[in-house]
Amino acid sequence: MVKYISIPIPKPLYERLVSTLEGSGYRSATEYIIFLIRRALPDLESENVERRLKALGYT
């Protein structure tokens, strides 16, 4: 069984995300945030410095 934790984010940001996701096909903000993390993790974990910097928004 998968266990979950809570990650606090500012309420205005959460509300903006929920509003933006309406009609997008994502069932919830949580589902979308998990998608984003799974997509970004390989770049963040990469040994390639350029790839890591890009993932962090530096290039």
PDB file of N, CA and C in Angstrom:
ATOM      1  N   MET A   1       0.821  -1.174   0.000  1.00  0.00           N
ATOM      2  CA  MET A   1       0.000   0.000   0.000  1.00  0.00           C
ATOM      3  C   MET A   1       0.876   1.253   0.000  1.00  0.00           C
ATOM      4  N   VAL A   2       0.540   2.212  -0.821  1.00  0.00           N
ATOM      5  CA  VAL A   2       1.300   3.455  -0.917  1.00  0.00           C
ATOM      6  C   VAL A   2       0.876   4.386   0.202  1.00  0.00           C
ATOM      7  N   LYS A   3       1.851   4.947   0.888  1.00  0.00           N
ATOM      8  CA  LYS A   3       1.566   5.934   1.927  1.00  0.00           C
ATOM      9  C   LYS A   3       1.765   7.327   1.342  1.00  0.00           C
ATOM     10  N   TYR A   4       1.024   8.269   1.835  1.00  0.00           N
ATOM     11  CA  TYR A   4       1.104   9.646   1.356  1.00  0.00           C
ATOM     12  C   TYR A   4       1.502  10.580   2.486  1.00  0.00           C
ATOM     13  N   ILE A   5       2.061  11.730   2.107  1.00  0.00           N
ATOM     14  CA  ILE A   5       2.358  12.795   3.043  1.00  0.00           C
ATOM     15  C   ILE A   5       1.713  14.070   2.509  1.00  0.00           C
ATOM     16  N   SER A   6       1.591  15.041   3.362  1.00  0.00           N
ATOM     17  CA  SER A   6       1.044  16.335   2.951  1.00  0.00           C
ATOM     18  C   SER A   6       2.185  17.314   2.736  1.00  0.00           C
ATOM     19  N   ILE A   7       2.071  18.105   1.688  1.00  0.00           N
ATOM     20  CA  ILE A   7       3.048  19.149   1.410  1.00  0.00           C
ATOM     21  C   ILE A   7       2.288  20.469   1.382  1.00  0.00           C
ATOM     22  N   PRO A   8       2.571  21.369   2.313  1.00  0.00           N
ATOM     23  CA  PRO A   8       1.835  22.627   2.333  1.00  0.00           C
ATOM     24  C   PRO A   8       2.254  23.546   1.187  1.00  0.00           C
ATOM     25  N   ILE A   9       1.273  24.132   0.539  1.00  0.00           N
ATOM     26  CA  ILE A   9       1.525  25.161  -0.466  1.00  0.00           C
ATOM     27  C   ILE A   9       0.596  26.329  -0.148  1.00  0.00           C
ATOM     28  N   PRO A  10       0.965  27.526  -0.564  1.00  0.00           N
ATOM     29  CA  PRO A  10       0.106  28.676  -0.278  1.00  0.00           C
ATOM     30  C   PRO A  10      -1.290  28.481  -0.875  1.00  0.00           C
ATOM     31  N   LYS A  11      -2.304  28.820  -0.084  1.00  0.00           N
ATOM     32  CA  LYS A  11      -3.679  28.622  -0.518  1.00  0.00           C
ATOM     33  C   LYS A  11      -3.994  29.356  -1.826  1.00  0.00           C
ATOM     34  N   PRO A  12      -3.546  30.607  -2.015  1.00  0.00           N
ATOM     35  CA  PRO A  12      -3.837  31.275  -3.293  1.00  0.00           C
ATOM     36  C   PRO A  12      -3.249  30.525  -4.505  1.00  0.00           C
ATOM     37  N   LEU A  13      -2.081  29.941  -4.326  1.00  0.00           N
ATOM     38  CA  LEU A  13      -1.474  29.168  -5.403  1.00  0.00           C
ATOM     39  C   LEU A  13      -2.284  27.915  -5.693  1.00  0.00           C
ATOM     40  N   TYR A  14      -2.713  27.238  -4.644  1.00  0.00           N
ATOM     41  CA  TYR A  14      -3.537  26.039  -4.793  1.00  0.00           C
ATOM     42  C   TYR A  14      -4.848  26.369  -5.500  1.00  0.00           C
ATOM     43  N   GLU A  15      -5.508  27.433  -5.077  1.00  0.00           N
ATOM     44  CA  GLU A  15      -6.770  27.825  -5.691  1.00  0.00           C
ATOM     45  C   GLU A  15      -6.591  28.184  -7.166  1.00  0.00           C
ATOM     46  N   ARG A  16      -5.498  28.861  -7.466  1.00  0.00           N
ATOM     47  CA  ARG A  16      -5.187  29.193  -8.874  1.00  0.00           C
ATOM     48  C   ARG A  16      -4.984  27.937  -9.691  1.00  0.00           C
ATOM     49  N   LEU A  17      -4.266  26.971  -9.143  1.00  0.00           N
ATOM     50  CA  LEU A  17      -4.024  25.704  -9.829  1.00  0.00           C
ATOM     51  C   LEU A  17      -5.332  24.962 -10.072  1.00  0.00           C
ATOM     52  N   VAL A  18      -6.162  24.848  -9.045  1.00  0.00           N
ATOM     53  CA  VAL A  18      -7.442  24.148  -9.168  1.00  0.00           C
ATOM     54  C   VAL A  18      -8.287  24.799 -10.258  1.00  0.00           C
ATOM     55  N   SER A  19      -8.325  26.111 -10.265  1.00  0.00           N
ATOM     56  CA  SER A  19      -9.097  26.846 -11.268  1.00  0.00           C
ATOM     57  C   SER A  19      -8.561  26.583 -12.674  1.00  0.00           C
ATOM     58  N   THR A  20      -7.262  26.586 -12.811  1.00  0.00           N
ATOM     59  CA  THR A  20      -6.624  26.380 -14.112  1.00  0.00           C
ATOM     60  C   THR A  20      -6.828  24.962 -14.622  1.00  0.00           C
ATOM     61  N   LEU A  21      -6.897  23.994 -13.727  1.00  0.00           N
ATOM     62  CA  LEU A  21      -7.020  22.593 -14.122  1.00  0.00           C
ATOM     63  C   LEU A  21      -8.429  22.190 -14.544  1.00  0.00           C
ATOM     64  N   GLU A  22      -9.423  23.032 -14.292  1.00  0.00           N
ATOM     65  CA  GLU A  22     -10.791  22.701 -14.663  1.00  0.00           C
ATOM     66  C   GLU A  22     -10.868  22.412 -16.164  1.00  0.00           C
ATOM     67  N   GLY A  23     -11.404  21.256 -16.498  1.00  0.00           N
ATOM     68  CA  GLY A  23     -11.542  20.864 -17.897  1.00  0.00           C
ATOM     69  C   GLY A  23     -10.261  20.362 -18.545  1.00  0.00           C
ATOM     70  N   SER A  24      -9.199  20.186 -17.757  1.00  0.00           N
ATOM     71  CA  SER A  24      -7.913  19.758 -18.311  1.00  0.00           C
ATOM     72  C   SER A  24      -7.783  18.242 -18.418  1.00  0.00           C
ATOM     73  N   GLY A  25      -8.642  17.511 -17.722  1.00  0.00           N
ATOM     74  CA  GLY A  25      -8.530  16.053 -17.709  1.00  0.00           C
ATOM     75  C   GLY A  25      -7.882  15.524 -16.442  1.00  0.00           C
ATOM     76  N   TYR A  26      -7.237  16.403 -15.678  1.00  0.00           N
ATOM     77  CA  TYR A  26      -6.681  15.980 -14.392  1.00  0.00           C
ATOM     78  C   TYR A  26      -7.813  15.971 -13.378  1.00  0.00           C
ATOM     79  N   ARG A  27      -7.849  14.945 -12.557  1.00  0.00           N
ATOM     80  CA  ARG A  27      -8.933  14.809 -11.571  1.00  0.00           C
ATOM     81  C   ARG A  27      -8.751  15.708 -10.366  1.00  0.00           C
ATOM     82  N   SER A  28      -7.504  16.100 -10.099  1.00  0.00           N
ATOM     83  CA  SER A  28      -7.248  16.920  -8.917  1.00  0.00           C
ATOM     84  C   SER A  28      -5.911  17.633  -9.050  1.00  0.00           C
ATOM     85  N   ALA A  29      -5.723  18.622  -8.187  1.00  0.00           N
ATOM     86  CA  ALA A  29      -4.435  19.313  -8.134  1.00  0.00           C
ATOM     87  C   ALA A  29      -3.335  18.341  -7.721  1.00  0.00           C
ATOM     88  N   THR A  30      -3.663  17.437  -6.799  1.00  0.00           N
ATOM     89  CA  THR A  30      -2.683  16.440  -6.352  1.00  0.00           C
ATOM     90  C   THR A  30      -2.206  15.578  -7.515  1.00  0.00           C
ATOM     91  N   GLU A  31      -3.124  15.122  -8.344  1.00  0.00           N
ATOM     92  CA  GLU A  31      -2.754  14.300  -9.498  1.00  0.00           C
ATOM     93  C   GLU A  31      -1.810  15.062 -10.422  1.00  0.00           C
ATOM     94  N   TYR A  32      -2.087  16.329 -10.647  1.00  0.00           N
ATOM     95  CA  TYR A  32      -1.244  17.135 -11.529  1.00  0.00           C
ATOM     96  C   TYR A  32       0.139  17.377 -10.914  1.00  0.00           C
ATOM     97  N   ILE A  33       0.167  17.663  -9.624  1.00  0.00           N
ATOM     98  CA  ILE A  33       1.445  17.901  -8.952  1.00  0.00           C
ATOM     99  C   ILE A  33       2.310  16.645  -8.978  1.00  0.00           C
ATOM    100  N   ILE A  34       1.703  15.478  -8.768  1.00  0.00           N
ATOM    101  CA  ILE A  34       2.449  14.213  -8.852  1.00  0.00           C
ATOM    102  C   ILE A  34       2.996  14.022 -10.260  1.00  0.00           C
ATOM    103  N   PHE A  35       2.200  14.329 -11.277  1.00  0.00           N
ATOM    104  CA  PHE A  35       2.655  14.251 -12.666  1.00  0.00           C
ATOM    105  C   PHE A  35       3.882  15.134 -12.873  1.00  0.00           C
ATOM    106  N   LEU A  36       3.832  16.374 -12.394  1.00  0.00           N
ATOM    107  CA  LEU A  36       4.956  17.299 -12.571  1.00  0.00           C
ATOM    108  C   LEU A  36       6.217  16.807 -11.874  1.00  0.00           C
ATOM    109  N   ILE A  37       6.071  16.295 -10.673  1.00  0.00           N
ATOM    110  CA  ILE A  37       7.236  15.795  -9.936  1.00  0.00           C
ATOM    111  C   ILE A  37       7.851  14.598 -10.656  1.00  0.00           C
ATOM    112  N   ARG A  38       7.009  13.675 -11.096  1.00  0.00           N
ATOM    113  CA  ARG A  38       7.536  12.495 -11.815  1.00  0.00           C
ATOM    114  C   ARG A  38       8.247  12.898 -13.101  1.00  0.00           C
ATOM    115  N   ARG A  39       7.754  13.939 -13.751  1.00  0.00           N
ATOM    116  CA  ARG A  39       8.374  14.400 -14.994  1.00  0.00           C
ATOM    117  C   ARG A  39       9.705  15.099 -14.726  1.00  0.00           C
ATOM    118  N   ALA A  40       9.804  15.837 -13.624  1.00  0.00           N
ATOM    119  CA  ALA A  40      11.003  16.616 -13.327  1.00  0.00           C
ATOM    120  C   ALA A  40      12.107  15.813 -12.630  1.00  0.00           C
ATOM    121  N   LEU A  41      11.749  14.786 -11.885  1.00  0.00           N
ATOM    122  CA  LEU A  41      12.738  14.057 -11.094  1.00  0.00           C
ATOM    123  C   LEU A  41      13.910  13.492 -11.888  1.00  0.00           C
ATOM    124  N   PRO A  42      13.690  12.874 -13.043  1.00  0.00           N
ATOM    125  CA  PRO A  42      14.850  12.343 -13.770  1.00  0.00           C
ATOM    126  C   PRO A  42      15.889  13.419 -14.099  1.00  0.00           C
ATOM    127  N   ASP A  43      15.440  14.616 -14.439  1.00  0.00           N
ATOM    128  CA  ASP A  43      16.384  15.695 -14.717  1.00  0.00           C
ATOM    129  C   ASP A  43      17.078  16.159 -13.452  1.00  0.00           C
ATOM    130  N   LEU A  44      16.341  16.249 -12.363  1.00  0.00           N
ATOM    131  CA  LEU A  44      16.935  16.678 -11.099  1.00  0.00           C
ATOM    132  C   LEU A  44      17.927  15.652 -10.556  1.00  0.00           C
ATOM    133  N   GLU A  45      17.680  14.381 -10.838  1.00  0.00           N
ATOM    134  CA  GLU A  45      18.564  13.310 -10.365  1.00  0.00           C
ATOM    135  C   GLU A  45      19.745  13.063 -11.303  1.00  0.00           C
ATOM    136  N   SER A  46      19.711  13.666 -12.454  1.00  0.00           N
ATOM    137  CA  SER A  46      20.727  13.418 -13.478  1.00  0.00           C
ATOM    138  C   SER A  46      22.127  13.812 -13.020  1.00  0.00           C
ATOM    139  N   GLU A  47      23.095  13.093 -13.504  1.00  0.00           N
ATOM    140  CA  GLU A  47      24.495  13.435 -13.264  1.00  0.00           C
ATOM    141  C   GLU A  47      24.958  14.529 -14.226  1.00  0.00           C
ATOM    142  N   ASN A  48      24.194  14.760 -15.283  1.00  0.00           N
ATOM    143  CA  ASN A  48      24.517  15.782 -16.276  1.00  0.00           C
ATOM    144  C   ASN A  48      24.211  17.161 -15.678  1.00  0.00           C
ATOM    145  N   VAL A  49      25.254  17.970 -15.484  1.00  0.00           N
ATOM    146  CA  VAL A  49      25.107  19.259 -14.821  1.00  0.00           C
ATOM    147  C   VAL A  49      24.173  20.178 -15.598  1.00  0.00           C
ATOM    148  N   GLU A  50      24.314  20.229 -16.913  1.00  0.00           N
ATOM    149  CA  GLU A  50      23.444  21.098 -17.720  1.00  0.00           C
ATOM    150  C   GLU A  50      21.978  20.706 -17.560  1.00  0.00           C
ATOM    151  N   ARG A  51      21.705  19.423 -17.576  1.00  0.00           N
ATOM    152  CA  ARG A  51      20.342  18.932 -17.427  1.00  0.00           C
ATOM    153  C   ARG A  51      19.770  19.289 -16.054  1.00  0.00           C
ATOM    154  N   ARG A  52      20.612  19.172 -15.019  1.00  0.00           N
ATOM    155  CA  ARG A  52      20.157  19.523 -13.666  1.00  0.00           C
ATOM    156  C   ARG A  52      19.884  21.002 -13.537  1.00  0.00           C
ATOM    157  N   LEU A  53      20.780  21.830 -14.082  1.00  0.00           N
ATOM    158  CA  LEU A  53      20.572  23.274 -14.012  1.00  0.00           C
ATOM    159  C   LEU A  53      19.314  23.694 -14.757  1.00  0.00           C
ATOM    160  N   LYS A  54      19.076  23.065 -15.916  1.00  0.00           N
ATOM    161  CA  LYS A  54      17.861  23.366 -16.669  1.00  0.00           C
ATOM    162  C   LYS A  54      16.618  22.989 -15.862  1.00  0.00           C
ATOM    163  N   ALA A  55      16.657  21.840 -15.207  1.00  0.00           N
ATOM    164  CA  ALA A  55      15.528  21.401 -14.390  1.00  0.00           C
ATOM    165  C   ALA A  55      15.265  22.353 -13.242  1.00  0.00           C
ATOM    166  N   LEU A  56      16.315  22.984 -12.767  1.00  0.00           N
ATOM    167  CA  LEU A  56      16.178  23.943 -11.670  1.00  0.00           C
ATOM    168  C   LEU A  56      15.851  25.351 -12.171  1.00  0.00           C
ATOM    169  N   GLY A  57      15.797  25.511 -13.505  1.00  0.00           N
ATOM    170  CA  GLY A  57      15.409  26.791 -14.082  1.00  0.00           C
ATOM    171  C   GLY A  57      16.560  27.758 -14.339  1.00  0.00           C
ATOM    172  N   TYR A  58      17.790  27.254 -14.396  1.00  0.00           N
ATOM    173  CA  TYR A  58      18.938  28.139 -14.575  1.00  0.00           C
ATOM    174  C   TYR A  58      19.392  28.318 -16.019  1.00  0.00           C
ATOM    175  N   THR A  59      18.947  27.486 -16.929  1.00  0.00           N
ATOM    176  CA  THR A  59      19.393  27.669 -18.324  1.00  0.00           C
ATOM    177  C   THR A  59      18.226  27.744 -19.258  1.00  0.00           C
TER     178      THR A  59
END
